[in-house]
């Protein structure tokens, strides 16, 4: 969505195929279904409570339920830098460390198609710069 808007295009009428970049990341039909869930939890648990609530409100109902499953809004958000985030994600998702960044970017590209830019800006404003650059697609 950010790239679409940066190019002056309408995200409601611009096909994702015209904006896609990089190698697509897919999950095998036999893959562990928890892989995507772990990625959502990684992002969710890094954000302040009010940002999680606003972000979750933008998700479709079915995804919203999964997004909030197991969430405890009371702890302070986890603090870690870019490499710690990628290491933790690859460990918890049982992925090779070298694949973690591509998978994080693929999932966040999909999120950009469904969340208003204003909401994403609010979320990204809470992230340290090195994490923000990881989840913000290049314009």
Protein backbone atom coordinates (compact mmCIF):
# COMPACT_ATOMS: atom_id res chain seq x y z
CA UNK A 1 0.00 0.00 0.00
CA UNK A 2 2.81 2.40 0.87
CA UNK A 3 4.50 1.81 -2.48
CA UNK A 4 1.18 2.20 -4.25
CA UNK A 5 0.47 5.51 -2.56
CA UNK A 6 4.06 6.69 -3.03
CA UNK A 7 3.63 6.14 -6.77
CA UNK A 8 0.38 8.13 -6.74
CA UNK A 9 -1.75 5.07 -7.51
CA UNK A 10 -5.10 4.06 -6.07
CA UNK A 11 -4.70 1.02 -3.75
CA UNK A 12 -8.35 0.06 -4.35
CA UNK A 13 -7.81 -0.45 -8.08
CA UNK A 14 -4.10 -1.31 -8.37
CA UNK A 15 -3.48 -5.06 -8.50
CA UNK A 16 -0.90 -6.31 -6.01
CA UNK A 17 0.89 -8.05 -8.90
CA UNK A 18 1.85 -4.63 -10.29
CA UNK A 19 3.54 -3.64 -7.02
CA UNK A 20 5.09 -6.92 -5.92
CA UNK A 21 8.84 -7.01 -5.66
CA UNK A 22 11.38 -9.56 -4.57
CA UNK A 23 10.99 -13.30 -4.40
CA UNK A 24 7.56 -14.45 -3.16
CA UNK A 25 7.58 -16.48 0.02
CA UNK A 26 5.06 -19.28 0.22
CA UNK A 27 4.12 -21.84 2.82
CA UNK A 28 3.84 -25.43 1.73
CA UNK A 29 0.37 -26.94 2.17
CA UNK A 30 1.91 -29.44 4.59
CA UNK A 31 3.75 -26.79 6.61
CA UNK A 32 3.06 -26.16 10.28
CA UNK A 33 0.04 -23.85 10.47
CA UNK A 34 1.55 -22.05 13.44
CA UNK A 35 4.22 -20.37 11.30
CA UNK A 36 2.04 -17.39 10.32
CA UNK A 37 0.60 -17.21 13.81
CA UNK A 38 4.06 -16.91 15.29
CA UNK A 39 4.83 -14.00 13.01
CA UNK A 40 1.66 -12.17 14.04
CA UNK A 41 2.48 -12.79 17.70
CA UNK A 42 6.01 -11.48 17.22
CA UNK A 43 4.64 -8.19 15.88
CA UNK A 44 1.75 -8.01 18.32
CA UNK A 45 3.87 -8.59 21.40
CA UNK A 46 6.32 -5.89 20.37
CA UNK A 47 3.67 -3.15 20.26
CA UNK A 48 2.09 -1.10 23.05
CA UNK A 49 -1.39 -2.17 24.14
CA UNK A 50 -3.26 0.73 22.51
CA UNK A 51 -1.53 0.12 19.18
CA UNK A 52 -2.37 -3.61 19.31
CA UNK A 53 -6.02 -2.75 19.96
CA UNK A 54 -6.17 -0.31 17.02
CA UNK A 55 -4.32 -2.69 14.70
CA UNK A 56 -6.49 -5.67 15.69
CA UNK A 57 -9.63 -3.66 15.01
CA UNK A 58 -8.55 -3.33 11.36
CA UNK A 59 -8.21 -7.09 10.82
CA UNK A 60 -10.96 -9.31 9.40
CA UNK A 61 -12.97 -11.06 12.15
CA UNK A 62 -11.42 -14.50 11.71
CA UNK A 63 -7.86 -13.15 11.65
CA UNK A 64 -8.64 -10.84 14.57
CA UNK A 65 -9.55 -13.83 16.75
CA UNK A 66 -6.27 -15.54 15.95
CA UNK A 67 -4.36 -12.27 16.40
CA UNK A 68 -5.66 -11.81 19.95
CA UNK A 69 -5.46 -15.47 20.98
CA UNK A 70 -3.19 -15.78 24.01
CA UNK A 71 -2.50 -12.06 24.17
CA UNK A 72 -1.97 -10.61 27.65
CA UNK A 73 -2.22 -6.83 27.35
CA UNK A 74 -0.59 -6.10 30.71
CA UNK A 75 3.11 -6.83 30.21
CA UNK A 76 5.43 -4.18 28.86
CA UNK A 77 6.14 -4.80 25.16
CA UNK A 78 9.22 -6.91 24.51
CA UNK A 79 12.26 -4.84 23.57
CA UNK A 80 14.76 -6.12 21.06
CA UNK A 81 16.74 -4.85 18.12
CA UNK A 82 16.44 -5.97 14.50
CA UNK A 83 18.79 -8.95 14.78
CA UNK A 84 17.30 -10.10 18.09
CA UNK A 85 13.85 -9.90 16.48
CA UNK A 86 14.93 -11.97 13.47
CA UNK A 87 16.72 -14.51 15.69
CA UNK A 88 13.68 -14.86 17.96
CA UNK A 89 11.30 -15.13 15.01
CA UNK A 90 13.38 -17.76 13.22
CA UNK A 91 13.75 -19.75 16.44
CA UNK A 92 10.06 -19.65 17.38
CA UNK A 93 8.90 -20.30 13.82
CA UNK A 94 11.47 -23.10 13.40
CA UNK A 95 12.85 -21.42 10.28
CA UNK A 96 16.41 -21.07 9.06
CA UNK A 97 17.75 -17.72 10.26
CA UNK A 98 18.62 -16.73 6.71
CA UNK A 99 14.91 -17.03 5.67
CA UNK A 100 13.44 -14.99 8.55
CA UNK A 101 13.81 -11.55 6.97
CA UNK A 102 12.19 -12.61 3.67
CA UNK A 103 9.27 -14.19 5.50
CA UNK A 104 8.76 -11.17 7.77
CA UNK A 105 8.72 -8.91 4.70
CA UNK A 106 6.28 -11.18 2.83
CA UNK A 107 3.80 -11.20 5.68
CA UNK A 108 4.00 -7.47 6.25
CA UNK A 109 3.46 -6.86 2.50
CA UNK A 110 0.22 -8.81 2.84
CA UNK A 111 -0.80 -6.77 5.89
CA UNK A 112 -0.24 -3.56 3.89
CA UNK A 113 -3.02 -4.63 1.54
CA UNK A 114 -5.59 -4.75 4.33
CA UNK A 115 -4.77 -2.01 6.83
CA UNK A 116 -5.27 1.73 6.21
CA UNK A 117 -2.01 3.67 5.82
CA UNK A 118 -2.89 5.93 8.77
CA UNK A 119 -3.15 2.90 11.06
CA UNK A 120 0.16 1.51 9.85
CA UNK A 121 1.87 4.85 10.42
CA UNK A 122 0.61 4.78 14.01
CA UNK A 123 1.99 1.26 14.48
CA UNK A 124 5.34 2.05 12.85
CA UNK A 125 5.76 5.19 14.95
CA UNK A 126 6.03 2.93 18.01
CA UNK A 127 8.83 0.78 16.57
CA UNK A 128 12.55 1.47 16.80
CA UNK A 129 13.96 2.63 13.45
CA UNK A 130 15.83 -0.63 12.72
CA UNK A 131 12.63 -2.70 13.17
CA UNK A 132 10.54 -0.17 11.26
CA UNK A 133 12.86 -0.51 8.26
CA UNK A 134 12.44 -4.30 8.41
CA UNK A 135 8.65 -4.24 8.14
CA UNK A 136 8.21 -1.19 5.90
CA UNK A 137 8.33 -2.15 2.21
CA UNK A 138 10.64 -0.05 0.08
CA UNK A 139 8.71 2.63 -1.78
